N, C-alpha and C. Protein backbone atom coordinates (compact mmCIF):
# COMPACT_ATOMS: atom_id res chain seq x y z
N MET A 1 61.85 -81.21 -18.13
CA MET A 1 61.36 -79.85 -18.04
C MET A 1 62.46 -78.91 -18.57
N GLY A 2 62.01 -77.99 -19.40
CA GLY A 2 62.96 -77.07 -20.00
C GLY A 2 63.35 -75.96 -19.04
N PRO A 3 64.47 -75.30 -19.27
CA PRO A 3 64.91 -74.23 -18.38
C PRO A 3 63.95 -73.05 -18.33
N GLU A 4 63.23 -72.81 -19.43
CA GLU A 4 62.27 -71.71 -19.43
C GLU A 4 61.12 -72.00 -18.47
N LEU A 5 60.67 -73.26 -18.48
CA LEU A 5 59.57 -73.65 -17.61
C LEU A 5 59.99 -73.59 -16.15
N VAL A 6 61.19 -74.04 -15.86
CA VAL A 6 61.70 -73.98 -14.48
C VAL A 6 61.78 -72.53 -14.02
N MET A 7 62.29 -71.68 -14.89
CA MET A 7 62.40 -70.28 -14.53
C MET A 7 61.02 -69.66 -14.33
N ALA A 8 60.07 -69.99 -15.18
CA ALA A 8 58.71 -69.46 -15.05
C ALA A 8 58.07 -69.93 -13.74
N LEU A 9 58.31 -71.17 -13.39
CA LEU A 9 57.77 -71.69 -12.12
C LEU A 9 58.40 -70.99 -10.92
N GLN A 10 59.69 -70.71 -11.00
CA GLN A 10 60.35 -70.00 -9.90
C GLN A 10 59.84 -68.56 -9.78
N VAL A 11 59.63 -67.92 -10.90
CA VAL A 11 59.09 -66.55 -10.88
C VAL A 11 57.67 -66.58 -10.31
N ALA A 12 56.87 -67.57 -10.73
CA ALA A 12 55.50 -67.69 -10.21
C ALA A 12 55.52 -67.97 -8.71
N SER A 13 56.46 -68.81 -8.29
CA SER A 13 56.57 -69.11 -6.86
C SER A 13 56.95 -67.86 -6.07
N ALA A 14 57.87 -67.09 -6.59
CA ALA A 14 58.27 -65.85 -5.92
C ALA A 14 57.11 -64.87 -5.87
N ALA A 15 56.35 -64.76 -6.96
CA ALA A 15 55.19 -63.86 -6.97
C ALA A 15 54.14 -64.32 -5.96
N MET A 16 53.92 -65.62 -5.86
CA MET A 16 52.95 -66.13 -4.90
C MET A 16 53.42 -65.88 -3.46
N THR A 17 54.70 -65.97 -3.24
CA THR A 17 55.24 -65.67 -1.91
C THR A 17 54.96 -64.22 -1.54
N VAL A 18 55.20 -63.32 -2.48
CA VAL A 18 54.96 -61.89 -2.24
C VAL A 18 53.47 -61.63 -2.03
N LEU A 19 52.64 -62.19 -2.89
CA LEU A 19 51.18 -61.99 -2.75
C LEU A 19 50.66 -62.58 -1.44
N GLY A 20 51.18 -63.73 -1.07
CA GLY A 20 50.79 -64.34 0.21
C GLY A 20 51.17 -63.47 1.39
N GLY A 21 52.37 -62.90 1.33
CA GLY A 21 52.82 -62.00 2.40
C GLY A 21 51.97 -60.75 2.48
N MET A 22 51.61 -60.21 1.31
CA MET A 22 50.76 -59.01 1.30
C MET A 22 49.36 -59.33 1.84
N ASN A 23 48.83 -60.49 1.48
CA ASN A 23 47.52 -60.90 1.97
C ASN A 23 47.55 -61.09 3.48
N GLN A 24 48.59 -61.73 3.98
CA GLN A 24 48.74 -61.91 5.42
C GLN A 24 48.83 -60.56 6.13
N ALA A 25 49.56 -59.62 5.55
CA ALA A 25 49.70 -58.29 6.15
C ALA A 25 48.34 -57.59 6.20
N ASP A 26 47.58 -57.69 5.11
CA ASP A 26 46.24 -57.08 5.11
C ASP A 26 45.35 -57.70 6.18
N ASN A 27 45.42 -59.02 6.34
CA ASN A 27 44.62 -59.68 7.37
C ASN A 27 45.04 -59.25 8.78
N MET A 28 46.33 -59.05 8.99
CA MET A 28 46.82 -58.59 10.29
C MET A 28 46.27 -57.20 10.59
N ARG A 29 46.30 -56.33 9.58
CA ARG A 29 45.78 -54.96 9.77
C ARG A 29 44.28 -54.98 10.04
N SER A 30 43.56 -55.79 9.30
CA SER A 30 42.10 -55.87 9.48
C SER A 30 41.74 -56.41 10.86
N ALA A 31 42.46 -57.42 11.29
CA ALA A 31 42.19 -57.99 12.62
C ALA A 31 42.45 -56.98 13.72
N ALA A 32 43.53 -56.23 13.59
CA ALA A 32 43.85 -55.21 14.61
C ALA A 32 42.78 -54.13 14.63
N ALA A 33 42.33 -53.71 13.45
CA ALA A 33 41.28 -52.68 13.40
C ALA A 33 39.98 -53.20 13.99
N ALA A 34 39.64 -54.45 13.70
CA ALA A 34 38.41 -55.04 14.26
C ALA A 34 38.52 -55.15 15.79
N ASN A 35 39.66 -55.57 16.29
CA ASN A 35 39.85 -55.66 17.75
C ASN A 35 39.74 -54.30 18.40
N ALA A 36 40.32 -53.29 17.77
CA ALA A 36 40.25 -51.93 18.32
C ALA A 36 38.81 -51.43 18.33
N GLU A 37 38.06 -51.70 17.27
CA GLU A 37 36.66 -51.27 17.21
C GLU A 37 35.82 -51.99 18.26
N ASN A 38 36.06 -53.28 18.45
CA ASN A 38 35.33 -54.02 19.49
C ASN A 38 35.64 -53.47 20.88
N ALA A 39 36.90 -53.16 21.14
CA ALA A 39 37.28 -52.60 22.44
C ALA A 39 36.62 -51.23 22.63
N ARG A 40 36.58 -50.42 21.56
CA ARG A 40 35.95 -49.10 21.65
C ARG A 40 34.46 -49.23 21.94
N ARG A 41 33.79 -50.15 21.28
CA ARG A 41 32.35 -50.34 21.50
C ARG A 41 32.07 -50.84 22.92
N THR A 42 32.90 -51.76 23.39
CA THR A 42 32.73 -52.26 24.76
C THR A 42 32.92 -51.14 25.77
N ALA A 43 33.95 -50.34 25.56
CA ALA A 43 34.20 -49.21 26.47
C ALA A 43 33.06 -48.20 26.41
N GLU A 44 32.52 -47.97 25.23
CA GLU A 44 31.40 -47.03 25.09
C GLU A 44 30.17 -47.56 25.83
N ALA A 45 29.92 -48.87 25.73
CA ALA A 45 28.79 -49.47 26.46
C ALA A 45 29.01 -49.35 27.96
N ASN A 46 30.24 -49.59 28.41
CA ASN A 46 30.54 -49.44 29.84
C ASN A 46 30.37 -47.99 30.29
N LYS A 47 30.75 -47.05 29.43
CA LYS A 47 30.60 -45.64 29.77
C LYS A 47 29.12 -45.28 29.90
N ILE A 48 28.30 -45.79 29.02
CA ILE A 48 26.85 -45.55 29.11
C ILE A 48 26.31 -46.11 30.42
N GLN A 49 26.76 -47.31 30.80
CA GLN A 49 26.31 -47.91 32.06
C GLN A 49 26.77 -47.10 33.27
N THR A 50 28.02 -46.63 33.24
CA THR A 50 28.49 -45.85 34.39
C THR A 50 27.79 -44.49 34.45
N ASP A 51 27.49 -43.90 33.29
CA ASP A 51 26.72 -42.65 33.28
C ASP A 51 25.33 -42.87 33.87
N TYR A 52 24.71 -43.99 33.52
CA TYR A 52 23.38 -44.31 34.07
C TYR A 52 23.48 -44.50 35.58
N ALA A 53 24.49 -45.25 36.02
CA ALA A 53 24.67 -45.48 37.46
C ALA A 53 24.93 -44.16 38.18
N ALA A 54 25.66 -43.25 37.54
CA ALA A 54 25.93 -41.94 38.14
C ALA A 54 24.62 -41.16 38.30
N GLY A 55 23.77 -41.20 37.29
CA GLY A 55 22.47 -40.53 37.39
C GLY A 55 21.62 -41.13 38.50
N GLN A 56 21.68 -42.45 38.64
CA GLN A 56 20.94 -43.11 39.71
C GLN A 56 21.47 -42.71 41.08
N ALA A 57 22.78 -42.59 41.19
CA ALA A 57 23.38 -42.17 42.47
C ALA A 57 22.94 -40.76 42.83
N GLU A 58 22.91 -39.86 41.82
CA GLU A 58 22.45 -38.49 42.08
C GLU A 58 20.98 -38.47 42.48
N ALA A 59 20.17 -39.26 41.80
CA ALA A 59 18.74 -39.30 42.13
C ALA A 59 18.52 -39.85 43.53
N ALA A 60 19.25 -40.88 43.89
CA ALA A 60 19.12 -41.44 45.24
C ALA A 60 19.57 -40.42 46.28
N GLY A 61 20.62 -39.66 45.96
CA GLY A 61 21.08 -38.62 46.88
C GLY A 61 20.05 -37.52 47.06
N GLN A 62 19.39 -37.12 45.96
CA GLN A 62 18.34 -36.10 46.05
C GLN A 62 17.17 -36.59 46.91
N HIS A 63 16.82 -37.86 46.72
CA HIS A 63 15.71 -38.43 47.51
C HIS A 63 16.07 -38.46 49.00
N LYS A 64 17.29 -38.90 49.30
CA LYS A 64 17.72 -38.95 50.71
C LYS A 64 17.81 -37.54 51.29
N ALA A 65 18.25 -36.56 50.50
CA ALA A 65 18.34 -35.18 50.99
C ALA A 65 16.94 -34.66 51.32
N GLU A 66 15.96 -34.98 50.49
CA GLU A 66 14.58 -34.59 50.79
C GLU A 66 14.08 -35.27 52.06
N GLN A 67 14.47 -36.50 52.27
CA GLN A 67 14.11 -37.19 53.51
C GLN A 67 14.75 -36.50 54.71
N ASP A 68 15.99 -36.07 54.58
CA ASP A 68 16.67 -35.36 55.67
C ASP A 68 15.94 -34.05 55.99
N ARG A 69 15.51 -33.32 54.97
CA ARG A 69 14.77 -32.07 55.18
C ARG A 69 13.42 -32.34 55.83
N HIS A 70 12.77 -33.39 55.34
CA HIS A 70 11.46 -33.75 55.91
C HIS A 70 11.60 -34.15 57.38
N LYS A 71 12.65 -34.89 57.68
CA LYS A 71 12.89 -35.31 59.05
C LYS A 71 13.10 -34.07 59.95
N ALA A 72 13.85 -33.08 59.46
CA ALA A 72 14.07 -31.85 60.22
C ALA A 72 12.75 -31.10 60.42
N ALA A 73 11.91 -31.08 59.39
CA ALA A 73 10.61 -30.40 59.51
C ALA A 73 9.74 -31.10 60.55
N LEU A 74 9.77 -32.43 60.58
CA LEU A 74 9.00 -33.18 61.58
C LEU A 74 9.54 -32.92 62.99
N MET A 75 10.86 -32.83 63.12
CA MET A 75 11.44 -32.53 64.44
C MET A 75 11.01 -31.14 64.90
N LEU A 76 11.00 -30.17 63.98
CA LEU A 76 10.56 -28.81 64.32
C LEU A 76 9.10 -28.82 64.75
N SER A 77 8.28 -29.54 64.00
CA SER A 77 6.86 -29.62 64.34
C SER A 77 6.66 -30.24 65.72
N ARG A 78 7.38 -31.29 66.00
CA ARG A 78 7.26 -31.95 67.32
C ARG A 78 7.72 -30.99 68.42
N ALA A 79 8.83 -30.29 68.17
CA ALA A 79 9.33 -29.34 69.17
C ALA A 79 8.30 -28.24 69.42
N GLN A 80 7.64 -27.76 68.36
CA GLN A 80 6.61 -26.73 68.53
C GLN A 80 5.42 -27.28 69.32
N ALA A 81 5.05 -28.53 69.05
CA ALA A 81 3.91 -29.13 69.76
C ALA A 81 4.24 -29.33 71.23
N VAL A 82 5.43 -29.75 71.54
CA VAL A 82 5.83 -29.96 72.94
C VAL A 82 5.88 -28.62 73.66
N ALA A 83 6.40 -27.59 72.97
CA ALA A 83 6.47 -26.26 73.59
C ALA A 83 5.07 -25.72 73.86
N ALA A 84 4.14 -25.89 72.94
CA ALA A 84 2.77 -25.40 73.12
C ALA A 84 2.06 -26.19 74.19
N ALA A 85 2.28 -27.49 74.27
CA ALA A 85 1.62 -28.33 75.26
C ALA A 85 2.12 -28.04 76.67
N SER A 86 3.34 -27.61 76.79
CA SER A 86 3.89 -27.36 78.12
C SER A 86 3.46 -26.01 78.66
N GLY A 87 2.84 -25.23 77.76
CA GLY A 87 2.37 -23.93 78.21
C GLY A 87 3.44 -22.87 78.14
N GLY A 88 4.55 -23.18 77.53
CA GLY A 88 5.63 -22.22 77.44
C GLY A 88 5.49 -21.29 76.26
N GLY A 89 4.47 -21.42 75.49
CA GLY A 89 4.29 -20.54 74.35
C GLY A 89 4.95 -21.08 73.10
N SER A 90 5.22 -20.19 72.19
CA SER A 90 5.80 -20.63 70.92
C SER A 90 7.27 -20.98 71.09
N LEU A 91 7.74 -21.71 70.13
CA LEU A 91 9.13 -22.17 70.15
C LEU A 91 10.06 -21.01 69.82
N ASP A 92 11.21 -20.96 70.47
CA ASP A 92 12.21 -19.92 70.22
C ASP A 92 12.67 -19.99 68.76
N ALA A 93 12.78 -18.85 68.09
CA ALA A 93 13.16 -18.79 66.68
C ALA A 93 14.56 -19.33 66.45
N THR A 94 15.45 -19.11 67.41
CA THR A 94 16.82 -19.60 67.26
C THR A 94 16.84 -21.12 67.28
N LEU A 95 16.05 -21.73 68.15
CA LEU A 95 15.97 -23.19 68.23
C LEU A 95 15.36 -23.75 66.95
N ALA A 96 14.33 -23.10 66.46
CA ALA A 96 13.68 -23.55 65.22
C ALA A 96 14.66 -23.46 64.05
N ALA A 97 15.42 -22.37 63.98
CA ALA A 97 16.40 -22.21 62.90
C ALA A 97 17.50 -23.26 63.01
N GLY A 98 17.89 -23.59 64.22
CA GLY A 98 18.92 -24.62 64.44
C GLY A 98 18.45 -25.99 63.97
N ILE A 99 17.19 -26.34 64.26
CA ILE A 99 16.66 -27.63 63.83
C ILE A 99 16.61 -27.71 62.30
N LEU A 100 16.10 -26.65 61.68
CA LEU A 100 16.03 -26.64 60.21
C LEU A 100 17.43 -26.59 59.59
N GLY A 101 18.34 -25.87 60.23
CA GLY A 101 19.72 -25.79 59.74
C GLY A 101 20.42 -27.14 59.77
N GLU A 102 20.17 -27.92 60.84
CA GLU A 102 20.75 -29.27 60.92
C GLU A 102 20.21 -30.15 59.80
N GLY A 103 18.93 -30.00 59.50
CA GLY A 103 18.34 -30.78 58.39
C GLY A 103 18.97 -30.41 57.06
N GLU A 104 19.17 -29.10 56.84
CA GLU A 104 19.79 -28.66 55.60
C GLU A 104 21.24 -29.11 55.53
N LYS A 105 21.95 -29.07 56.65
CA LYS A 105 23.34 -29.51 56.67
C LYS A 105 23.44 -30.99 56.32
N GLN A 106 22.55 -31.79 56.92
CA GLN A 106 22.55 -33.23 56.62
C GLN A 106 22.19 -33.47 55.15
N ALA A 107 21.24 -32.70 54.62
CA ALA A 107 20.86 -32.82 53.20
C ALA A 107 22.06 -32.45 52.31
N GLY A 108 22.80 -31.43 52.70
CA GLY A 108 23.99 -31.04 51.94
C GLY A 108 25.04 -32.13 51.93
N TYR A 109 25.28 -32.77 53.09
CA TYR A 109 26.23 -33.87 53.16
C TYR A 109 25.79 -35.01 52.25
N THR A 110 24.52 -35.30 52.30
CA THR A 110 23.97 -36.39 51.47
C THR A 110 24.17 -36.09 49.99
N MET A 111 23.89 -34.86 49.58
CA MET A 111 24.06 -34.50 48.17
C MET A 111 25.54 -34.51 47.77
N TYR A 112 26.41 -34.08 48.67
CA TYR A 112 27.84 -34.11 48.37
C TYR A 112 28.29 -35.54 48.12
N GLU A 113 27.87 -36.46 49.01
CA GLU A 113 28.26 -37.86 48.84
C GLU A 113 27.72 -38.42 47.52
N ALA A 114 26.48 -38.10 47.21
CA ALA A 114 25.89 -38.60 45.97
C ALA A 114 26.60 -38.03 44.75
N ASN A 115 26.88 -36.74 44.76
CA ASN A 115 27.57 -36.13 43.62
C ASN A 115 29.00 -36.65 43.48
N ASP A 116 29.65 -36.89 44.61
CA ASP A 116 31.01 -37.42 44.58
C ASP A 116 31.01 -38.84 43.99
N ARG A 117 30.06 -39.65 44.41
CA ARG A 117 29.94 -41.02 43.86
C ARG A 117 29.66 -40.95 42.36
N ALA A 118 28.76 -40.07 41.95
CA ALA A 118 28.42 -39.94 40.53
C ALA A 118 29.64 -39.49 39.71
N ALA A 119 30.40 -38.54 40.25
CA ALA A 119 31.59 -38.07 39.55
C ALA A 119 32.61 -39.19 39.39
N GLY A 120 32.75 -40.01 40.44
CA GLY A 120 33.67 -41.15 40.36
C GLY A 120 33.24 -42.15 39.30
N LEU A 121 31.94 -42.41 39.23
CA LEU A 121 31.43 -43.34 38.21
C LEU A 121 31.67 -42.78 36.81
N ARG A 122 31.40 -41.51 36.62
CA ARG A 122 31.60 -40.91 35.29
C ARG A 122 33.09 -40.91 34.91
N TYR A 123 33.93 -40.62 35.88
CA TYR A 123 35.37 -40.62 35.63
C TYR A 123 35.83 -42.02 35.20
N ARG A 124 35.34 -43.04 35.91
CA ARG A 124 35.71 -44.41 35.58
C ARG A 124 35.29 -44.75 34.15
N GLY A 125 34.10 -44.32 33.75
CA GLY A 125 33.64 -44.56 32.38
C GLY A 125 34.50 -43.84 31.36
N ASN A 126 34.86 -42.59 31.66
CA ASN A 126 35.70 -41.83 30.73
C ASN A 126 37.10 -42.42 30.61
N VAL A 127 37.66 -42.85 31.73
CA VAL A 127 38.99 -43.45 31.71
C VAL A 127 38.96 -44.75 30.91
N GLY A 128 37.92 -45.56 31.11
CA GLY A 128 37.81 -46.81 30.36
C GLY A 128 37.75 -46.56 28.86
N ALA A 129 36.99 -45.56 28.45
CA ALA A 129 36.89 -45.22 27.02
C ALA A 129 38.23 -44.73 26.49
N TYR A 130 38.91 -43.90 27.26
CA TYR A 130 40.22 -43.38 26.84
C TYR A 130 41.23 -44.52 26.70
N GLU A 131 41.25 -45.43 27.70
CA GLU A 131 42.19 -46.55 27.66
C GLU A 131 41.91 -47.45 26.47
N ALA A 132 40.62 -47.70 26.18
CA ALA A 132 40.28 -48.54 25.03
C ALA A 132 40.74 -47.91 23.73
N ASN A 133 40.53 -46.62 23.60
CA ASN A 133 40.96 -45.93 22.37
C ASN A 133 42.48 -45.93 22.24
N THR A 134 43.17 -45.66 23.33
CA THR A 134 44.63 -45.64 23.31
C THR A 134 45.19 -47.03 23.00
N ARG A 135 44.62 -48.05 23.65
CA ARG A 135 45.07 -49.42 23.41
C ARG A 135 44.80 -49.82 21.95
N GLY A 136 43.65 -49.42 21.43
CA GLY A 136 43.32 -49.74 20.05
C GLY A 136 44.29 -49.11 19.07
N ILE A 137 44.62 -47.85 19.28
CA ILE A 137 45.58 -47.17 18.41
C ILE A 137 46.94 -47.86 18.48
N SER A 138 47.34 -48.24 19.69
CA SER A 138 48.63 -48.91 19.86
C SER A 138 48.64 -50.26 19.15
N GLU A 139 47.54 -51.02 19.28
CA GLU A 139 47.47 -52.33 18.62
C GLU A 139 47.49 -52.18 17.10
N ILE A 140 46.81 -51.16 16.60
CA ILE A 140 46.82 -50.93 15.15
C ILE A 140 48.23 -50.57 14.68
N ASN A 141 48.92 -49.72 15.44
CA ASN A 141 50.30 -49.34 15.08
C ASN A 141 51.22 -50.56 15.09
N GLN A 142 51.08 -51.41 16.11
CA GLN A 142 51.91 -52.61 16.19
C GLN A 142 51.60 -53.56 15.04
N ALA A 143 50.30 -53.69 14.73
CA ALA A 143 49.93 -54.58 13.61
C ALA A 143 50.47 -54.04 12.29
N ASN A 144 50.45 -52.73 12.12
CA ASN A 144 50.99 -52.14 10.89
C ASN A 144 52.49 -52.42 10.77
N LYS A 145 53.21 -52.30 11.87
CA LYS A 145 54.65 -52.59 11.84
C LYS A 145 54.90 -54.06 11.53
N ALA A 146 54.13 -54.95 12.18
CA ALA A 146 54.30 -56.38 11.92
C ALA A 146 53.92 -56.72 10.48
N ALA A 147 52.88 -56.08 9.98
CA ALA A 147 52.45 -56.33 8.60
C ALA A 147 53.52 -55.85 7.61
N ASP A 148 54.09 -54.69 7.88
CA ASP A 148 55.16 -54.18 7.01
C ASP A 148 56.35 -55.14 7.01
N ALA A 149 56.67 -55.68 8.18
CA ALA A 149 57.77 -56.63 8.28
C ALA A 149 57.45 -57.92 7.52
N THR A 150 56.19 -58.34 7.57
CA THR A 150 55.78 -59.53 6.85
C THR A 150 55.94 -59.33 5.34
N VAL A 151 55.48 -58.17 4.85
CA VAL A 151 55.61 -57.88 3.42
C VAL A 151 57.09 -57.81 3.03
N LEU A 152 57.88 -57.13 3.84
CA LEU A 152 59.32 -57.03 3.56
C LEU A 152 59.96 -58.41 3.55
N GLY A 153 59.57 -59.24 4.51
CA GLY A 153 60.11 -60.61 4.57
C GLY A 153 59.73 -61.43 3.35
N SER A 154 58.50 -61.26 2.87
CA SER A 154 58.10 -62.03 1.68
C SER A 154 58.86 -61.56 0.45
N PHE A 155 59.10 -60.25 0.35
CA PHE A 155 59.92 -59.76 -0.77
C PHE A 155 61.35 -60.30 -0.65
N ALA A 156 61.88 -60.31 0.55
CA ALA A 156 63.24 -60.82 0.75
C ALA A 156 63.32 -62.30 0.42
N LYS A 157 62.32 -63.06 0.84
CA LYS A 157 62.30 -64.49 0.56
C LYS A 157 62.23 -64.74 -0.95
N ALA A 158 61.35 -63.99 -1.62
CA ALA A 158 61.23 -64.13 -3.07
C ALA A 158 62.53 -63.71 -3.75
N GLY A 159 63.13 -62.64 -3.29
CA GLY A 159 64.40 -62.18 -3.86
C GLY A 159 65.51 -63.20 -3.68
N MET A 160 65.56 -63.80 -2.51
CA MET A 160 66.60 -64.80 -2.26
C MET A 160 66.37 -66.03 -3.11
N SER A 161 65.12 -66.37 -3.32
CA SER A 161 64.80 -67.51 -4.17
C SER A 161 65.26 -67.25 -5.60
N MET A 162 64.98 -66.05 -6.09
CA MET A 162 65.39 -65.69 -7.44
C MET A 162 66.92 -65.56 -7.54
N ALA A 163 67.52 -65.00 -6.50
CA ALA A 163 68.98 -64.86 -6.49
C ALA A 163 69.65 -66.22 -6.51
N GLY A 164 69.06 -67.17 -5.81
CA GLY A 164 69.61 -68.52 -5.80
C GLY A 164 69.56 -69.16 -7.18
N ARG A 165 68.58 -68.77 -7.95
CA ARG A 165 68.44 -69.32 -9.31
C ARG A 165 69.49 -68.75 -10.25
N PHE A 166 69.76 -67.45 -10.12
CA PHE A 166 70.62 -66.79 -11.08
C PHE A 166 72.05 -66.58 -10.60
N ALA A 167 72.32 -66.70 -9.31
CA ALA A 167 73.67 -66.48 -8.79
C ALA A 167 74.54 -67.70 -9.09
N PRO A 168 75.80 -67.48 -9.36
CA PRO A 168 76.68 -68.63 -9.59
C PRO A 168 76.93 -69.36 -8.28
N ASP A 169 77.20 -70.64 -8.39
CA ASP A 169 77.47 -71.43 -7.19
C ASP A 169 78.75 -70.96 -6.52
N VAL A 170 79.78 -70.79 -7.27
CA VAL A 170 81.06 -70.31 -6.74
C VAL A 170 81.71 -69.42 -7.78
N ALA A 171 82.58 -68.59 -7.32
CA ALA A 171 83.30 -67.70 -8.23
C ALA A 171 84.44 -68.46 -8.90
N PRO A 172 84.83 -67.99 -10.04
CA PRO A 172 86.01 -68.64 -10.66
C PRO A 172 87.21 -68.54 -9.73
N GLY A 173 87.81 -69.64 -9.47
CA GLY A 173 88.98 -69.67 -8.60
C GLY A 173 88.62 -69.85 -7.13
N ALA A 174 87.32 -69.93 -6.78
CA ALA A 174 86.93 -70.12 -5.38
C ALA A 174 86.35 -71.51 -5.23
N SER A 175 86.59 -72.13 -4.10
CA SER A 175 86.08 -73.49 -3.88
C SER A 175 84.78 -73.50 -3.09
N SER A 176 84.34 -72.32 -2.56
CA SER A 176 83.08 -72.27 -1.81
C SER A 176 82.52 -70.86 -1.88
N LEU A 177 81.25 -70.71 -1.49
CA LEU A 177 80.64 -69.38 -1.47
C LEU A 177 81.33 -68.47 -0.46
N ARG A 178 81.80 -69.04 0.63
CA ARG A 178 82.50 -68.24 1.64
C ARG A 178 83.78 -67.65 1.03
N GLU A 179 84.49 -68.47 0.31
CA GLU A 179 85.71 -67.99 -0.34
C GLU A 179 85.35 -66.97 -1.42
N TYR A 180 84.19 -67.19 -2.09
CA TYR A 180 83.72 -66.25 -3.12
C TYR A 180 83.46 -64.89 -2.49
N ASP A 181 82.80 -64.86 -1.31
CA ASP A 181 82.56 -63.59 -0.62
C ASP A 181 83.89 -62.90 -0.29
N TYR A 182 84.86 -63.69 0.18
CA TYR A 182 86.15 -63.12 0.54
C TYR A 182 86.86 -62.57 -0.69
N LEU A 183 86.90 -63.37 -1.75
CA LEU A 183 87.58 -62.93 -2.97
C LEU A 183 86.88 -61.74 -3.60
N GLY A 184 85.56 -61.76 -3.55
CA GLY A 184 84.78 -60.66 -4.13
C GLY A 184 85.07 -59.35 -3.42
N SER A 185 85.09 -59.38 -2.10
CA SER A 185 85.35 -58.15 -1.35
C SER A 185 86.79 -57.70 -1.51
N ARG A 186 87.70 -58.64 -1.68
CA ARG A 186 89.12 -58.32 -1.81
C ARG A 186 89.41 -57.63 -3.15
N TYR A 187 88.70 -58.08 -4.18
CA TYR A 187 88.96 -57.54 -5.52
C TYR A 187 87.88 -56.61 -6.01
N GLY A 188 86.98 -56.20 -5.11
CA GLY A 188 85.97 -55.23 -5.47
C GLY A 188 84.84 -55.80 -6.31
N ILE A 189 84.64 -57.11 -6.25
CA ILE A 189 83.55 -57.74 -6.99
C ILE A 189 82.33 -57.79 -6.08
N GLU A 190 81.24 -57.25 -6.55
CA GLU A 190 80.01 -57.23 -5.73
C GLU A 190 79.09 -58.31 -6.19
């Protein structure tokens, strides 16, 4: 094999090393972007589910609050019937207002609990989406740094391969590369 062919093969090998490194870097970036998108979609689906569950919690709270009001109305009706049956006349307005007020108070507690549960569910969905987006951005940034290092490494490997082809084995008057480095630095040879 002639020296031109050897040199051409070494140049081709160095170019393939660089292209391989660049291809690997692109694949690393693509994989990180795909992982981030999958995490975002999963978080979005979870957020939709927690929003739905929050709506269900509010609806259940409204239903229970109506039951609490209805229960108070039934208690008032029974109290009025007992008062009329005993011959004492109509029910005292203060007592009637107290019975209805207790029903409204219980309905308010029920709605507060339902709204609080719904807010917690929505918050959990929002936090999950935020964490997925933040994690995705971080993974993409890390993949970009690793990809850049891969490309730089492939250029360095190719450069060292080419330097090995063209660099002298030893300097004149040196018996090893180590001595060549020493002599070169001592006499200003780079």
